[in-house]
């Protein structure tokens, strides 16, 4: 039986309890303001009939824009797509410091705004490049095994370790102080609200994020994003065919090795698979457990793993095996 046929027919390719999962891959949503990223993912899963969806990179409830939802087996591949550069546009307000670093928080300080537009631009330019950033208390980072935002809800503040992030560019739109519009390109894991806060500290008057919209999370953008309203109006198969990114396509961002039928059989029984030298050409060796897509003879992705050297030959070592690749028995 071919891999696509196994996927359609096997309970192993579905949800717990044997219900088949109709779609495996990603779908981009244009998130509205006022809902959590978790709630958006759950709504997408409900509309498409897929349990346990996940999202790649949280957007705070007031923020809008690109939220990529992982469905089916794609939820096990999330780290593959989470490290890409992000592009945001937003608006900030000078003269305020809040406990959440945005306008939704409690005002801690208010200061007169005496900075000029030129000083604003200079402060933004000083934050371009690799910088140390302390995650905000309202973030989903863990300290001592607990999410920071849960600690913040109790009114507590804890020490947070600074992390290296990279700001690629900071451009300005309309500036009508104390408000200013901006566009930022940055590395994954960068908190824009904290960039705004730190800019305000440089200017000496404070600053808080007024609005935020994510435009891109490489390699994905809003050009193929679906609104929740449009999702609700479409049959599931039309939403998927028009906007979904099947897993085989979504994993094209990674290097790949292609197995023959014997290799696919070995992988399906839980072992590593020999890879011909020609198939290993140009593929990184020992680059990590999700560094390579392992595909079957027909191109179907069977697993994520890494390529290892085995003497003078190569071996594909799976770390995440997709349900349709699993083979029962020895037949």
C-alpha atoms as a PDB file:
ATOM      1  CA  UNK A   1       0.000   0.000   0.000  1.00  0.00           C
ATOM      2  CA  UNK A   2       1.398   3.441  -0.910  1.00  0.00           C
ATOM      3  CA  UNK A   3       2.158   6.046   1.766  1.00  0.00           C
ATOM      4  CA  UNK A   4      -0.770   8.320   0.810  1.00  0.00           C
ATOM      5  CA  UNK A   5      -3.112   5.334   0.901  1.00  0.00           C
ATOM      6  CA  UNK A   6      -1.821   4.326   4.318  1.00  0.00           C
ATOM      7  CA  UNK A   7      -2.412   7.868   5.500  1.00  0.00           C
ATOM      8  CA  UNK A   8      -6.031   7.813   4.407  1.00  0.00           C
ATOM      9  CA  UNK A   9      -6.791   4.335   5.680  1.00  0.00           C
ATOM     10  CA  UNK A  10      -4.794   3.786   8.841  1.00  0.00           C
ATOM     11  CA  UNK A  11      -6.166   4.735  12.278  1.00  0.00           C
ATOM     12  CA  UNK A  12      -2.519   5.350  13.249  1.00  0.00           C
ATOM     13  CA  UNK A  13      -2.607   8.411  11.018  1.00  0.00           C
ATOM     14  CA  UNK A  14      -5.474   9.910  12.944  1.00  0.00           C
ATOM     15  CA  UNK A  15      -6.370  11.130  16.371  1.00  0.00           C
ATOM     16  CA  UNK A  16      -6.394   9.064  19.557  1.00  0.00           C
ATOM     17  CA  UNK A  17      -9.289   6.656  19.333  1.00  0.00           C
ATOM     18  CA  UNK A  18      -8.780   5.966  15.639  1.00  0.00           C
ATOM     19  CA  UNK A  19     -10.546   8.948  14.024  1.00  0.00           C
ATOM     20  CA  UNK A  20      -8.623   9.813  10.821  1.00  0.00           C
ATOM     21  CA  UNK A  21      -7.129  13.293  10.596  1.00  0.00           C
ATOM     22  CA  UNK A  22      -8.107  14.803   7.231  1.00  0.00           C
ATOM     23  CA  UNK A  23      -5.297  17.373   6.919  1.00  0.00           C
ATOM     24  CA  UNK A  24      -1.670  17.460   8.017  1.00  0.00           C
ATOM     25  CA  UNK A  25       0.219  20.714   7.602  1.00  0.00           C
ATOM     26  CA  UNK A  26      -0.027  24.440   8.244  1.00  0.00           C
ATOM     27  CA  UNK A  27      -2.607  27.130   7.662  1.00  0.00           C
ATOM     28  CA  UNK A  28      -2.024  30.859   8.093  1.00  0.00           C
ATOM     29  CA  UNK A  29      -4.647  32.910   9.910  1.00  0.00           C
ATOM     30  CA  UNK A  30      -4.994  36.687  10.052  1.00  0.00           C
ATOM     31  CA  UNK A  31      -5.671  36.905  13.782  1.00  0.00           C
ATOM     32  CA  UNK A  32      -8.142  39.569  14.951  1.00  0.00           C
ATOM     33  CA  UNK A  33      -7.651  41.614  18.103  1.00  0.00           C
ATOM     34  CA  UNK A  34      -9.247  40.512  21.354  1.00  0.00           C
ATOM     35  CA  UNK A  35      -8.709  36.746  21.189  1.00  0.00           C
ATOM     36  CA  UNK A  36      -5.848  34.566  22.391  1.00  0.00           C
ATOM     37  CA  UNK A  37      -3.613  32.605  20.035  1.00  0.00           C
ATOM     38  CA  UNK A  38      -4.763  29.422  21.783  1.00  0.00           C
ATOM     39  CA  UNK A  39      -8.413  30.237  21.091  1.00  0.00           C
ATOM     40  CA  UNK A  40      -7.658  30.886  17.414  1.00  0.00           C
ATOM     41  CA  UNK A  41      -5.899  27.524  17.105  1.00  0.00           C
ATOM     42  CA  UNK A  42      -8.817  25.751  18.772  1.00  0.00           C
ATOM     43  CA  UNK A  43     -11.306  27.448  16.436  1.00  0.00           C
ATOM     44  CA  UNK A  44      -9.289  26.408  13.374  1.00  0.00           C
ATOM     45  CA  UNK A  45      -9.126  22.829  14.631  1.00  0.00           C
ATOM     46  CA  UNK A  46     -12.865  22.793  15.263  1.00  0.00           C
ATOM     47  CA  UNK A  47     -13.709  24.195  11.830  1.00  0.00           C
ATOM     48  CA  UNK A  48     -11.405  21.762  10.030  1.00  0.00           C
ATOM     49  CA  UNK A  49     -12.270  18.768  12.197  1.00  0.00           C
ATOM     50  CA  UNK A  50      -8.749  18.277  13.574  1.00  0.00           C
ATOM     51  CA  UNK A  51      -8.069  17.804  17.301  1.00  0.00           C
ATOM     52  CA  UNK A  52      -5.025  19.181  19.083  1.00  0.00           C
ATOM     53  CA  UNK A  53      -3.924  22.026  16.779  1.00  0.00           C
ATOM     54  CA  UNK A  54      -1.005  24.224  17.796  1.00  0.00           C
ATOM     55  CA  UNK A  55       0.277  27.669  16.863  1.00  0.00           C
ATOM     56  CA  UNK A  56       3.752  28.797  15.872  1.00  0.00           C
ATOM     57  CA  UNK A  57       4.684  31.872  17.873  1.00  0.00           C
ATOM     58  CA  UNK A  58       2.206  33.515  20.235  1.00  0.00           C
ATOM     59  CA  UNK A  59       0.480  36.797  19.463  1.00  0.00           C
ATOM     60  CA  UNK A  60      -0.889  38.638  22.498  1.00  0.00           C
ATOM     61  CA  UNK A  61      -4.693  39.102  22.572  1.00  0.00           C
ATOM     62  CA  UNK A  62      -4.583  42.799  21.498  1.00  0.00           C
ATOM     63  CA  UNK A  63      -2.210  42.049  18.589  1.00  0.00           C
ATOM     64  CA  UNK A  64      -3.362  41.173  15.074  1.00  0.00           C
ATOM     65  CA  UNK A  65      -1.847  39.575  12.012  1.00  0.00           C
ATOM     66  CA  UNK A  66      -0.094  36.408  10.999  1.00  0.00           C
ATOM     67  CA  UNK A  67      -0.620  33.356  13.194  1.00  0.00           C
ATOM     68  CA  UNK A  68       0.451  30.045  11.641  1.00  0.00           C
ATOM     69  CA  UNK A  69      -1.537  27.045  12.878  1.00  0.00           C
ATOM     70  CA  UNK A  70      -0.052  23.536  12.828  1.00  0.00           C
ATOM     71  CA  UNK A  71      -2.455  20.657  12.189  1.00  0.00           C
ATOM     72  CA  UNK A  72      -2.133  16.914  12.575  1.00  0.00           C
ATOM     73  CA  UNK A  73       1.420  15.597  12.307  1.00  0.00           C
ATOM     74  CA  UNK A  74       2.736  19.135  11.720  1.00  0.00           C
ATOM     75  CA  UNK A  75       2.342  19.845  15.461  1.00  0.00           C
ATOM     76  CA  UNK A  76       5.332  17.551  16.025  1.00  0.00           C
ATOM     77  CA  UNK A  77       7.468  19.637  13.669  1.00  0.00           C
ATOM     78  CA  UNK A  78       6.886  23.080  15.189  1.00  0.00           C
ATOM     79  CA  UNK A  79      10.586  23.853  15.930  1.00  0.00           C
ATOM     80  CA  UNK A  80      11.301  23.622  12.185  1.00  0.00           C
ATOM     81  CA  UNK A  81       9.414  26.849  11.486  1.00  0.00           C
ATOM     82  CA  UNK A  82       9.660  28.798  14.748  1.00  0.00           C
ATOM     83  CA  UNK A  83      13.086  30.364  14.332  1.00  0.00           C
ATOM     84  CA  UNK A  84      12.444  32.484  11.246  1.00  0.00           C
ATOM     85  CA  UNK A  85      12.729  36.274  11.100  1.00  0.00           C
ATOM     86  CA  UNK A  86       9.605  38.227  12.050  1.00  0.00           C
ATOM     87  CA  UNK A  87       8.254  41.477  10.613  1.00  0.00           C
ATOM     88  CA  UNK A  88       5.882  43.656  12.631  1.00  0.00           C
ATOM     89  CA  UNK A  89       4.258  47.025  12.210  1.00  0.00           C
ATOM     90  CA  UNK A  90       2.928  48.932  15.163  1.00  0.00           C
ATOM     91  CA  UNK A  91       2.424  52.176  17.003  1.00  0.00           C
ATOM     92  CA  UNK A  92       4.026  53.372  20.220  1.00  0.00           C
ATOM     93  CA  UNK A  93       3.277  56.155  22.683  1.00  0.00           C
ATOM     94  CA  UNK A  94       6.002  58.076  24.450  1.00  0.00           C
ATOM     95  CA  UNK A  95       5.683  59.418  27.975  1.00  0.00           C
ATOM     96  CA  UNK A  96       4.361  56.286  29.667  1.00  0.00           C
ATOM     97  CA  UNK A  97       5.775  53.302  31.502  1.00  0.00           C
ATOM     98  CA  UNK A  98       3.320  50.478  32.242  1.00  0.00           C
ATOM     99  CA  UNK A  99       3.614  47.151  34.037  1.00  0.00           C
ATOM    100  CA  UNK A 100       2.870  45.263  30.797  1.00  0.00           C
ATOM    101  CA  UNK A 101       4.894  47.542  28.492  1.00  0.00           C
ATOM    102  CA  UNK A 102       1.745  48.294  26.476  1.00  0.00           C
ATOM    103  CA  UNK A 103      -1.298  50.539  26.866  1.00  0.00           C
ATOM    104  CA  UNK A 104      -3.373  47.729  28.385  1.00  0.00           C
ATOM    105  CA  UNK A 105      -1.253  47.736  31.537  1.00  0.00           C
ATOM    106  CA  UNK A 106      -1.241  49.745  34.739  1.00  0.00           C
ATOM    107  CA  UNK A 107       0.555  53.055  34.372  1.00  0.00           C
ATOM    108  CA  UNK A 108       3.652  53.129  36.590  1.00  0.00           C
ATOM    109  CA  UNK A 109       5.198  56.397  35.388  1.00  0.00           C
ATOM    110  CA  UNK A 110       4.231  59.414  33.309  1.00  0.00           C
ATOM    111  CA  UNK A 111       6.740  61.891  31.913  1.00  0.00           C
ATOM    112  CA  UNK A 112       6.618  64.914  29.625  1.00  0.00           C
ATOM    113  CA  UNK A 113       7.780  64.176  26.086  1.00  0.00           C
ATOM    114  CA  UNK A 114      10.527  66.568  25.056  1.00  0.00           C
ATOM    115  CA  UNK A 115      12.225  64.333  22.488  1.00  0.00           C
ATOM    116  CA  UNK A 116      12.314  65.312  18.823  1.00  0.00           C
ATOM    117  CA  UNK A 117      11.618  63.058  15.874  1.00  0.00           C
ATOM    118  CA  UNK A 118      15.350  62.976  15.143  1.00  0.00           C
ATOM    119  CA  UNK A 119      16.076  61.776  18.693  1.00  0.00           C
ATOM    120  CA  UNK A 120      13.372  59.125  18.328  1.00  0.00           C
ATOM    121  CA  UNK A 121      14.965  57.825  15.129  1.00  0.00           C
ATOM    122  CA  UNK A 122      18.416  57.826  16.718  1.00  0.00           C
ATOM    123  CA  UNK A 123      17.131  55.832  19.703  1.00  0.00           C
ATOM    124  CA  UNK A 124      15.623  53.248  17.346  1.00  0.00           C
ATOM    125  CA  UNK A 125      18.859  53.009  15.350  1.00  0.00           C
ATOM    126  CA  UNK A 126      20.773  52.315  18.583  1.00  0.00           C
ATOM    127  CA  UNK A 127      18.622  49.223  19.111  1.00  0.00           C
ATOM    128  CA  UNK A 128      19.408  47.708  15.690  1.00  0.00           C
ATOM    129  CA  UNK A 129      21.782  44.745  15.710  1.00  0.00           C
ATOM    130  CA  UNK A 130      22.379  42.072  18.337  1.00  0.00           C
ATOM    131  CA  UNK A 131      21.126  43.234  21.725  1.00  0.00           C
ATOM    132  CA  UNK A 132      20.397  41.808  25.169  1.00  0.00           C
ATOM    133  CA  UNK A 133      16.701  41.721  25.972  1.00  0.00           C
ATOM    134  CA  UNK A 134      14.994  40.868  29.259  1.00  0.00           C
ATOM    135  CA  UNK A 135      11.661  39.071  28.600  1.00  0.00           C
ATOM    136  CA  UNK A 136       8.630  40.961  29.949  1.00  0.00           C
ATOM    137  CA  UNK A 137       6.727  39.616  32.945  1.00  0.00           C
ATOM    138  CA  UNK A 138       3.672  39.088  30.718  1.00  0.00           C
ATOM    139  CA  UNK A 139       5.523  36.695  28.398  1.00  0.00           C
ATOM    140  CA  UNK A 140       5.167  32.919  28.104  1.00  0.00           C
ATOM    141  CA  UNK A 141       8.795  32.298  29.089  1.00  0.00           C
ATOM    142  CA  UNK A 142       9.279  29.919  31.999  1.00  0.00           C
ATOM    143  CA  UNK A 143      11.143  30.768  35.204  1.00  0.00           C
ATOM    144  CA  UNK A 144      11.400  27.952  37.719  1.00  0.00           C
ATOM    145  CA  UNK A 145       9.058  25.875  35.553  1.00  0.00           C
ATOM    146  CA  UNK A 146       6.250  28.452  35.618  1.00  0.00           C
ATOM    147  CA  UNK A 147       5.090  30.811  32.872  1.00  0.00           C
ATOM    148  CA  UNK A 148       5.995  34.419  33.593  1.00  0.00           C
ATOM    149  CA  UNK A 149       2.495  35.682  32.825  1.00  0.00           C
ATOM    150  CA  UNK A 150       1.064  33.381  35.519  1.00  0.00           C
ATOM    151  CA  UNK A 151       3.501  34.818  38.041  1.00  0.00           C
ATOM    152  CA  UNK A 152       2.587  38.344  36.899  1.00  0.00           C
ATOM    153  CA  UNK A 153      -1.117  37.650  37.482  1.00  0.00           C
ATOM    154  CA  UNK A 154      -0.312  37.161  41.161  1.00  0.00           C
ATOM    155  CA  UNK A 155       1.264  40.601  41.233  1.00  0.00           C
ATOM    156  CA  UNK A 156       4.771  39.194  41.549  1.00  0.00           C
ATOM    157  CA  UNK A 157       7.936  40.207  39.719  1.00  0.00           C
ATOM    158  CA  UNK A 158      10.865  37.791  39.414  1.00  0.00           C
ATOM    159  CA  UNK A 159      14.393  37.997  38.044  1.00  0.00           C
ATOM    160  CA  UNK A 160      14.623  37.195  34.331  1.00  0.00           C
ATOM    161  CA  UNK A 161      17.768  36.348  32.457  1.00  0.00           C
ATOM    162  CA  UNK A 162      18.578  38.535  29.447  1.00  0.00           C
ATOM    163  CA  UNK A 163      18.620  36.825  26.057  1.00  0.00           C
ATOM    164  CA  UNK A 164      20.426  37.712  22.849  1.00  0.00           C
ATOM    165  CA  UNK A 165      18.061  38.846  20.092  1.00  0.00           C
ATOM    166  CA  UNK A 166      18.697  40.549  16.774  1.00  0.00           C
ATOM    167  CA  UNK A 167      16.922  43.594  15.374  1.00  0.00           C
ATOM    168  CA  UNK A 168      17.504  43.666  11.631  1.00  0.00           C
ATOM    169  CA  UNK A 169      15.806  46.965  10.884  1.00  0.00           C
ATOM    170  CA  UNK A 170      13.660  49.604  12.589  1.00  0.00           C
ATOM    171  CA  UNK A 171      11.832  51.909  10.184  1.00  0.00           C
ATOM    172  CA  UNK A 172       9.477  54.763  10.953  1.00  0.00           C
ATOM    173  CA  UNK A 173       6.139  55.726   9.442  1.00  0.00           C
ATOM    174  CA  UNK A 174       3.968  58.616  10.541  1.00  0.00           C
ATOM    175  CA  UNK A 175       5.385  60.416  13.579  1.00  0.00           C
ATOM    176  CA  UNK A 176       3.056  62.711  15.555  1.00  0.00           C
ATOM    177  CA  UNK A 177       4.603  62.755  19.008  1.00  0.00           C
ATOM    178  CA  UNK A 178       3.860  61.378  21.506  1.00  0.00           C
ATOM    179  CA  UNK A 179       2.706  58.685  19.021  1.00  0.00           C
ATOM    180  CA  UNK A 180       4.801  57.137  16.260  1.00  0.00           C
ATOM    181  CA  UNK A 181       4.246  54.340  13.760  1.00  0.00           C
ATOM    182  CA  UNK A 182       7.033  51.869  13.022  1.00  0.00           C
ATOM    183  CA  UNK A 183       8.028  48.660  11.253  1.00  0.00           C
ATOM    184  CA  UNK A 184      10.517  46.225  12.816  1.00  0.00           C
ATOM    185  CA  UNK A 185      12.265  43.164  11.413  1.00  0.00           C
ATOM    186  CA  UNK A 186      13.767  40.967  14.100  1.00  0.00           C
ATOM    187  CA  UNK A 187      14.841  37.479  15.044  1.00  0.00           C
ATOM    188  CA  UNK A 188      12.408  34.949  16.426  1.00  0.00           C
ATOM    189  CA  UNK A 189      11.940  35.302  20.175  1.00  0.00           C
ATOM    190  CA  UNK A 190      12.164  39.107  20.155  1.00  0.00           C
ATOM    191  CA  UNK A 191       9.546  40.958  22.219  1.00  0.00           C
ATOM    192  CA  UNK A 192       8.490  44.109  20.381  1.00  0.00           C
ATOM    193  CA  UNK A 193       6.813  45.532  23.487  1.00  0.00           C
ATOM    194  CA  UNK A 194      10.180  45.317  25.235  1.00  0.00           C
ATOM    195  CA  UNK A 195      11.935  46.996  22.298  1.00  0.00           C
ATOM    196  CA  UNK A 196       9.464  49.852  22.663  1.00  0.00           C
ATOM    197  CA  UNK A 197       9.996  49.975  26.435  1.00  0.00           C
ATOM    198  CA  UNK A 198      13.779  50.034  26.016  1.00  0.00           C
ATOM    199  CA  UNK A 199      13.522  52.809  23.422  1.00  0.00           C
ATOM    200  CA  UNK A 200      11.521  54.863  25.907  1.00  0.00           C
ATOM    201  CA  UNK A 201      14.192  54.295  28.543  1.00  0.00           C
ATOM    202  CA  UNK A 202      16.842  55.584  26.139  1.00  0.00           C
ATOM    203  CA  UNK A 203      14.802  58.728  25.538  1.00  0.00           C
ATOM    204  CA  UNK A 204      14.240  59.203  29.260  1.00  0.00           C
ATOM    205  CA  UNK A 205      10.468  59.592  28.994  1.00  0.00           C
ATOM    206  CA  UNK A 206       9.276  56.006  28.762  1.00  0.00           C
ATOM    207  CA  UNK A 207       7.260  54.370  26.003  1.00  0.00           C
ATOM    208  CA  UNK A 208       4.483  51.798  25.710  1.00  0.00           C
ATOM    209  CA  UNK A 209       3.237  49.728  22.802  1.00  0.00           C
ATOM    210  CA  UNK A 210      -0.108  51.015  21.500  1.00  0.00           C
ATOM    211  CA  UNK A 211      -0.791  48.471  18.735  1.00  0.00           C
ATOM    212  CA  UNK A 212       0.978  45.617  16.956  1.00  0.00           C
ATOM    213  CA  UNK A 213       0.442  43.612  13.782  1.00  0.00           C
ATOM    214  CA  UNK A 214       2.619  40.730  12.572  1.00  0.00           C
ATOM    215  CA  UNK A 215       3.160  40.801   8.824  1.00  0.00           C
ATOM    216  CA  UNK A 216       5.612  37.937   8.323  1.00  0.00           C
ATOM    217  CA  UNK A 217       7.118  34.966  10.124  1.00  0.00           C
ATOM    218  CA  UNK A 218       9.594  33.627   7.595  1.00  0.00           C
ATOM    219  CA  UNK A 219       8.928  31.904   5.307  1.00  0.00           C
ATOM    220  CA  UNK A 220       5.210  32.701   5.783  1.00  0.00           C
ATOM    221  CA  UNK A 221       3.302  35.925   5.216  1.00  0.00           C
ATOM    222  CA  UNK A 222      -0.187  37.393   5.229  1.00  0.00           C
ATOM    223  CA  UNK A 223      -0.598  36.980   1.466  1.00  0.00           C
ATOM    224  CA  UNK A 224      -2.149  33.512   1.998  1.00  0.00           C
ATOM    225  CA  UNK A 225      -3.714  34.137   5.377  1.00  0.00           C
ATOM    226  CA  UNK A 226      -7.358  33.400   6.086  1.00  0.00           C
ATOM    227  CA  UNK A 227      -9.546  35.446   8.414  1.00  0.00           C
ATOM    228  CA  UNK A 228     -11.649  33.640  10.992  1.00  0.00           C
ATOM    229  CA  UNK A 229     -14.768  35.065   9.362  1.00  0.00           C
ATOM    230  CA  UNK A 230     -13.776  33.624   5.982  1.00  0.00           C
ATOM    231  CA  UNK A 231     -12.877  30.321   7.627  1.00  0.00           C
ATOM    232  CA  UNK A 232     -16.356  30.108   9.149  1.00  0.00           C
ATOM    233  CA  UNK A 233     -17.943  30.657   5.722  1.00  0.00           C
ATOM    234  CA  UNK A 234     -15.990  27.954   3.878  1.00  0.00           C
ATOM    235  CA  UNK A 235     -16.421  24.174   3.885  1.00  0.00           C
ATOM    236  CA  UNK A 236     -13.386  22.559   5.490  1.00  0.00           C
ATOM    237  CA  UNK A 237     -12.054  21.044   2.260  1.00  0.00           C
ATOM    238  CA  UNK A 238     -12.265  24.396   0.446  1.00  0.00           C
ATOM    239  CA  UNK A 239     -10.480  26.214   3.270  1.00  0.00           C
ATOM    240  CA  UNK A 240      -7.718  23.627   3.196  1.00  0.00           C
ATOM    241  CA  UNK A 241      -7.361  23.427  -0.591  1.00  0.00           C
ATOM    242  CA  UNK A 242      -7.301  27.224  -0.911  1.00  0.00           C
ATOM    243  CA  UNK A 243      -5.151  28.165   2.067  1.00  0.00           C
ATOM    244  CA  UNK A 244      -3.551  25.072   3.600  1.00  0.00           C
ATOM    245  CA  UNK A 245       0.113  24.157   3.221  1.00  0.00           C
ATOM    246  CA  UNK A 246       0.421  20.345   3.153  1.00  0.00           C
ATOM    247  CA  UNK A 247       3.146  18.908   5.348  1.00  0.00           C
ATOM    248  CA  UNK A 248       5.226  17.725   2.394  1.00  0.00           C
ATOM    249  CA  UNK A 249       5.333  21.287   1.071  1.00  0.00           C
ATOM    250  CA  UNK A 250       5.818  22.955   4.453  1.00  0.00           C
ATOM    251  CA  UNK A 251       8.897  20.811   5.149  1.00  0.00           C
ATOM    252  CA  UNK A 252      10.554  21.849   1.886  1.00  0.00           C
ATOM    253  CA  UNK A 253      12.497  24.448   3.894  1.00  0.00           C
ATOM    254  CA  UNK A 254      14.713  21.642   5.273  1.00  0.00           C
ATOM    255  CA  UNK A 255      17.377  19.516   3.549  1.00  0.00           C
ATOM    256  CA  UNK A 256      16.094  16.088   2.617  1.00  0.00           C
ATOM    257  CA  UNK A 257      17.173  12.532   1.976  1.00  0.00           C
ATOM    258  CA  UNK A 258      15.125  10.040  -0.024  1.00  0.00           C
ATOM    259  CA  UNK A 259      15.031   6.385   0.954  1.00  0.00           C
ATOM    260  CA  UNK A 260      14.424   3.384  -1.229  1.00  0.00           C
ATOM    261  CA  UNK A 261      11.667   0.924  -0.306  1.00  0.00           C
ATOM    262  CA  UNK A 262      13.981  -1.147   1.893  1.00  0.00           C
ATOM    263  CA  UNK A 263      15.032   1.978   3.795  1.00  0.00           C
ATOM    264  CA  UNK A 264      11.434   3.069   4.258  1.00  0.00           C
ATOM    265  CA  UNK A 265      10.614  -0.411   5.565  1.00  0.00           C
ATOM    266  CA  UNK A 266      13.469  -0.261   8.090  1.00  0.00           C
ATOM    267  CA  UNK A 267      12.444   3.183   9.251  1.00  0.00           C
ATOM    268  CA  UNK A 268       8.841   2.073   9.616  1.00  0.00           C
ATOM    269  CA  UNK A 269       9.934  -0.652  12.003  1.00  0.00           C
ATOM    270  CA  UNK A 270      11.752   1.825  14.234  1.00  0.00           C
ATOM    271  CA  UNK A 271      15.310   1.630  12.948  1.00  0.00           C
ATOM    272  CA  UNK A 272      17.736   3.774  11.041  1.00  0.00           C
ATOM    273  CA  UNK A 273      17.933   3.498   7.286  1.00  0.00           C
ATOM    274  CA  UNK A 274      20.907   3.318   4.956  1.00  0.00           C
ATOM    275  CA  UNK A 275      21.223   6.299   2.630  1.00  0.00           C
ATOM    276  CA  UNK A 276      23.096   6.002  -0.680  1.00  0.00           C
ATOM    277  CA  UNK A 277      26.035   8.391  -0.970  1.00  0.00           C
ATOM    278  CA  UNK A 278      24.417  10.139  -3.912  1.00  0.00           C
ATOM    279  CA  UNK A 279      21.256  10.819  -1.869  1.00  0.00           C
ATOM    280  CA  UNK A 280      23.361  12.274   0.962  1.00  0.00           C
ATOM    281  CA  UNK A 281      25.200  14.789  -1.218  1.00  0.00           C
ATOM    282  CA  UNK A 282      24.946  18.303   0.204  1.00  0.00           C
ATOM    283  CA  UNK A 283      22.931  17.224   3.269  1.00  0.00           C
ATOM    284  CA  UNK A 284      24.390  18.305   6.650  1.00  0.00           C
ATOM    285  CA  UNK A 285      25.675  15.452   8.812  1.00  0.00           C
ATOM    286  CA  UNK A 286      24.958  15.354  12.561  1.00  0.00           C
ATOM    287  CA  UNK A 287      23.087  18.675  12.495  1.00  0.00           C
ATOM    288  CA  UNK A 288      20.425  17.778  15.056  1.00  0.00           C
ATOM    289  CA  UNK A 289      17.278  15.693  15.566  1.00  0.00           C
ATOM    290  CA  UNK A 290      15.050  17.785  13.262  1.00  0.00           C
ATOM    291  CA  UNK A 291      17.620  18.910  10.721  1.00  0.00           C
ATOM    292  CA  UNK A 292      16.618  16.633   7.814  1.00  0.00           C
ATOM    293  CA  UNK A 293      13.374  15.484   6.221  1.00  0.00           C
ATOM    294  CA  UNK A 294      13.444  11.762   5.515  1.00  0.00           C
ATOM    295  CA  UNK A 295      11.231  10.971   2.538  1.00  0.00           C
ATOM    296  CA  UNK A 296      10.025   7.748   0.976  1.00  0.00           C
ATOM    297  CA  UNK A 297      10.568   6.671  -2.636  1.00  0.00           C
ATOM    298  CA  UNK A 298       7.488   8.638  -3.769  1.00  0.00           C
ATOM    299  CA  UNK A 299       8.562  11.821  -1.946  1.00  0.00           C
ATOM    300  CA  UNK A 300       6.164  11.441   0.991  1.00  0.00           C
ATOM    301  CA  UNK A 301       7.747  12.729   4.225  1.00  0.00           C
ATOM    302  CA  UNK A 302       8.185   9.793   6.605  1.00  0.00           C
ATOM    303  CA  UNK A 303      10.114  11.375   9.445  1.00  0.00           C
ATOM    304  CA  UNK A 304      12.267  14.192  10.750  1.00  0.00           C
ATOM    305  CA  UNK A 305      15.727  13.227  11.868  1.00  0.00           C
ATOM    306  CA  UNK A 306      19.387  13.671  11.149  1.00  0.00           C
ATOM    307  CA  UNK A 307      21.934  12.221   8.790  1.00  0.00           C
ATOM    308  CA  UNK A 308      24.762  10.299  10.447  1.00  0.00           C
ATOM    309  CA  UNK A 309      27.948   8.881   9.050  1.00  0.00           C
ATOM    310  CA  UNK A 310      28.202   5.103   9.466  1.00  0.00           C
ATOM    311  CA  UNK A 311      31.731   4.146   8.481  1.00  0.00           C
ATOM    312  CA  UNK A 312      32.077   4.938   4.813  1.00  0.00           C
ATOM    313  CA  UNK A 313      28.305   5.124   4.331  1.00  0.00           C
ATOM    314  CA  UNK A 314      25.451   7.239   5.672  1.00  0.00           C
ATOM    315  CA  UNK A 315      22.414   6.481   7.809  1.00  0.00           C
ATOM    316  CA  UNK A 316      19.179   8.408   8.326  1.00  0.00           C
ATOM    317  CA  UNK A 317      18.336   8.401  12.026  1.00  0.00           C
ATOM    318  CA  UNK A 318      14.652   9.264  12.628  1.00  0.00           C
ATOM    319  CA  UNK A 319      13.602  11.276  15.674  1.00  0.00           C
ATOM    320  CA  UNK A 320      10.001  12.143  14.767  1.00  0.00           C
ATOM    321  CA  UNK A 321       8.285   9.391  12.749  1.00  0.00           C
ATOM    322  CA  UNK A 322       4.973  10.304  11.138  1.00  0.00           C
ATOM    323  CA  UNK A 323       2.050   7.924  11.759  1.00  0.00           C
ATOM    324  CA  UNK A 324       1.672   6.819   8.140  1.00  0.00           C
ATOM    325  CA  UNK A 325       5.320   5.697   8.050  1.00  0.00           C
ATOM    326  CA  UNK A 326       4.856   3.167  10.860  1.00  0.00           C
ATOM    327  CA  UNK A 327       4.640  -0.435   9.627  1.00  0.00           C
ATOM    328  CA  UNK A 328       3.121  -3.239  11.643  1.00  0.00           C
ATOM    329  CA  UNK A 329       4.614  -6.720  11.716  1.00  0.00           C
ATOM    330  CA  UNK A 330       7.156  -7.750   9.119  1.00  0.00           C
ATOM    331  CA  UNK A 331       4.956  -8.079   6.089  1.00  0.00           C
END
